[in-house]
Amino acid sequence: MNRKIKLLINPFWYYLNQHLFDHQSVWNMNLFWHLYKIQLLNKCWNKESSQQSHPYL
């Protein structure tokens, strides 16, 4: 249960903590959610590829 709550709160927290006048800020929640999922997928992909190149780390 705690993991499910954390998975929902983290993206919302990132959304609320965006810089106000940054050119990369996204204020449309749907667009933000879409971009967040893409970034998360990229992080997972990079993490998996780095583990494959260094399996004992």
N, C-alpha and C. Protein backbone atom coordinates (compact mmCIF):
# COMPACT_ATOMS: atom_id res chain seq x y z
N MET A 1 0.82 -1.19 0.00
CA MET A 1 0.00 0.00 0.00
C MET A 1 0.87 1.26 0.00
N ASN A 2 1.91 1.27 0.79
CA ASN A 2 2.79 2.42 0.87
C ASN A 2 3.44 2.72 -0.47
N ARG A 3 3.83 1.68 -1.19
CA ARG A 3 4.45 1.85 -2.50
C ARG A 3 3.48 2.47 -3.49
N LYS A 4 2.23 2.09 -3.45
CA LYS A 4 1.23 2.66 -4.36
C LYS A 4 1.03 4.15 -4.08
N ILE A 5 1.00 4.50 -2.84
CA ILE A 5 0.84 5.91 -2.48
C ILE A 5 2.05 6.71 -2.95
N LYS A 6 3.22 6.15 -2.76
CA LYS A 6 4.44 6.84 -3.17
C LYS A 6 4.48 7.02 -4.69
N LEU A 7 4.02 6.04 -5.43
CA LEU A 7 4.01 6.14 -6.89
C LEU A 7 3.06 7.24 -7.37
N LEU A 8 2.04 7.51 -6.60
CA LEU A 8 1.11 8.57 -6.98
C LEU A 8 1.56 9.95 -6.50
N ILE A 9 2.22 10.00 -5.37
CA ILE A 9 2.60 11.28 -4.79
C ILE A 9 3.85 11.85 -5.46
N ASN A 10 4.80 11.03 -5.83
CA ASN A 10 6.05 11.51 -6.42
C ASN A 10 5.83 12.38 -7.66
N PRO A 11 5.07 11.93 -8.65
CA PRO A 11 4.89 12.80 -9.82
C PRO A 11 4.18 14.11 -9.48
N PHE A 12 3.21 14.02 -8.59
CA PHE A 12 2.51 15.23 -8.19
C PHE A 12 3.45 16.18 -7.48
N TRP A 13 4.33 15.66 -6.67
CA TRP A 13 5.31 16.49 -5.95
C TRP A 13 6.25 17.17 -6.95
N TYR A 14 6.71 16.44 -7.96
CA TYR A 14 7.57 17.04 -8.99
C TYR A 14 6.82 18.12 -9.76
N TYR A 15 5.56 17.90 -10.00
CA TYR A 15 4.75 18.89 -10.70
C TYR A 15 4.67 20.18 -9.88
N LEU A 16 4.42 20.06 -8.61
CA LEU A 16 4.28 21.24 -7.76
C LEU A 16 5.61 21.95 -7.51
N ASN A 17 6.71 21.26 -7.63
CA ASN A 17 8.02 21.85 -7.34
C ASN A 17 8.77 22.33 -8.59
N GLN A 18 8.05 22.55 -9.66
CA GLN A 18 8.69 23.10 -10.84
C GLN A 18 9.06 24.56 -10.60
N HIS A 19 10.07 25.01 -11.30
CA HIS A 19 10.43 26.42 -11.23
C HIS A 19 9.37 27.23 -11.95
N LEU A 20 9.02 28.35 -11.37
CA LEU A 20 7.91 29.14 -11.91
C LEU A 20 8.18 29.70 -13.30
N PHE A 21 9.34 30.25 -13.51
CA PHE A 21 9.60 30.94 -14.77
C PHE A 21 10.65 30.24 -15.63
N ASP A 22 10.79 28.98 -15.43
CA ASP A 22 11.72 28.21 -16.23
C ASP A 22 11.07 27.89 -17.57
N HIS A 23 11.86 27.89 -18.64
CA HIS A 23 11.29 27.62 -19.96
C HIS A 23 10.90 26.15 -20.12
N GLN A 24 11.35 25.28 -19.23
CA GLN A 24 10.99 23.87 -19.31
C GLN A 24 9.84 23.49 -18.39
N SER A 25 9.26 24.43 -17.71
CA SER A 25 8.13 24.15 -16.85
C SER A 25 6.91 23.80 -17.69
N VAL A 26 6.18 22.81 -17.23
CA VAL A 26 4.98 22.37 -17.93
C VAL A 26 3.82 22.49 -16.96
N TRP A 27 2.84 23.33 -17.29
CA TRP A 27 1.75 23.57 -16.37
C TRP A 27 0.48 22.82 -16.75
N ASN A 28 0.49 22.20 -17.89
CA ASN A 28 -0.62 21.35 -18.26
C ASN A 28 -0.37 19.99 -17.61
N MET A 29 -1.28 19.56 -16.75
CA MET A 29 -1.06 18.34 -15.97
C MET A 29 -0.99 17.10 -16.87
N ASN A 30 -1.78 17.03 -17.91
CA ASN A 30 -1.73 15.89 -18.81
C ASN A 30 -0.40 15.81 -19.55
N LEU A 31 0.06 16.93 -20.03
CA LEU A 31 1.35 16.96 -20.71
C LEU A 31 2.48 16.63 -19.73
N PHE A 32 2.40 17.19 -18.53
CA PHE A 32 3.41 16.89 -17.53
C PHE A 32 3.45 15.40 -17.23
N TRP A 33 2.30 14.77 -17.07
CA TRP A 33 2.24 13.34 -16.77
C TRP A 33 2.85 12.53 -17.91
N HIS A 34 2.57 12.92 -19.12
CA HIS A 34 3.13 12.23 -20.28
C HIS A 34 4.65 12.35 -20.30
N LEU A 35 5.16 13.55 -20.10
CA LEU A 35 6.61 13.77 -20.09
C LEU A 35 7.28 13.08 -18.91
N TYR A 36 6.61 13.07 -17.78
CA TYR A 36 7.14 12.39 -16.60
C TYR A 36 7.31 10.89 -16.86
N LYS A 37 6.33 10.28 -17.49
CA LYS A 37 6.43 8.85 -17.79
C LYS A 37 7.56 8.57 -18.77
N ILE A 38 7.77 9.45 -19.72
CA ILE A 38 8.86 9.28 -20.67
C ILE A 38 10.20 9.38 -19.95
N GLN A 39 10.35 10.37 -19.08
CA GLN A 39 11.59 10.52 -18.32
C GLN A 39 11.84 9.32 -17.41
N LEU A 40 10.80 8.83 -16.79
CA LEU A 40 10.94 7.66 -15.93
C LEU A 40 11.36 6.43 -16.73
N LEU A 41 10.78 6.27 -17.89
CA LEU A 41 11.17 5.16 -18.76
C LEU A 41 12.63 5.28 -19.18
N ASN A 42 13.07 6.49 -19.50
CA ASN A 42 14.48 6.70 -19.86
C ASN A 42 15.41 6.37 -18.70
N LYS A 43 15.04 6.78 -17.50
CA LYS A 43 15.85 6.46 -16.32
C LYS A 43 15.96 4.95 -16.13
N CYS A 44 14.84 4.27 -16.24
CA CYS A 44 14.85 2.82 -16.07
C CYS A 44 15.67 2.16 -17.16
N TRP A 45 15.54 2.64 -18.38
CA TRP A 45 16.29 2.08 -19.50
C TRP A 45 17.79 2.26 -19.28
N ASN A 46 18.20 3.45 -18.86
CA ASN A 46 19.62 3.72 -18.60
C ASN A 46 20.14 2.90 -17.43
N LYS A 47 19.33 2.76 -16.42
CA LYS A 47 19.73 1.97 -15.26
C LYS A 47 19.91 0.51 -15.65
N GLU A 48 18.99 -0.01 -16.44
CA GLU A 48 19.08 -1.40 -16.87
C GLU A 48 20.30 -1.62 -17.76
N SER A 49 20.55 -0.71 -18.67
CA SER A 49 21.70 -0.88 -19.56
C SER A 49 23.02 -0.76 -18.80
N SER A 50 23.06 0.11 -17.78
CA SER A 50 24.29 0.23 -17.00
C SER A 50 24.51 -1.03 -16.15
N GLN A 51 23.45 -1.66 -15.70
CA GLN A 51 23.59 -2.89 -14.92
C GLN A 51 24.05 -4.04 -15.82
N GLN A 52 23.66 -4.02 -17.07
CA GLN A 52 24.08 -5.07 -17.97
C GLN A 52 25.57 -4.94 -18.32
N SER A 53 26.04 -3.72 -18.41
CA SER A 53 27.44 -3.54 -18.74
C SER A 53 28.35 -3.78 -17.53
N HIS A 54 27.80 -3.62 -16.31
CA HIS A 54 28.54 -3.87 -15.08
C HIS A 54 27.68 -4.75 -14.16
N PRO A 55 27.60 -6.03 -14.44
CA PRO A 55 26.66 -6.86 -13.69
C PRO A 55 27.00 -7.04 -12.22
N TYR A 56 28.24 -6.75 -11.81
CA TYR A 56 28.61 -7.00 -10.42
C TYR A 56 28.62 -5.75 -9.56
N LEU A 57 28.08 -4.64 -10.09
CA LEU A 57 28.05 -3.40 -9.28
C LEU A 57 26.79 -3.30 -8.50
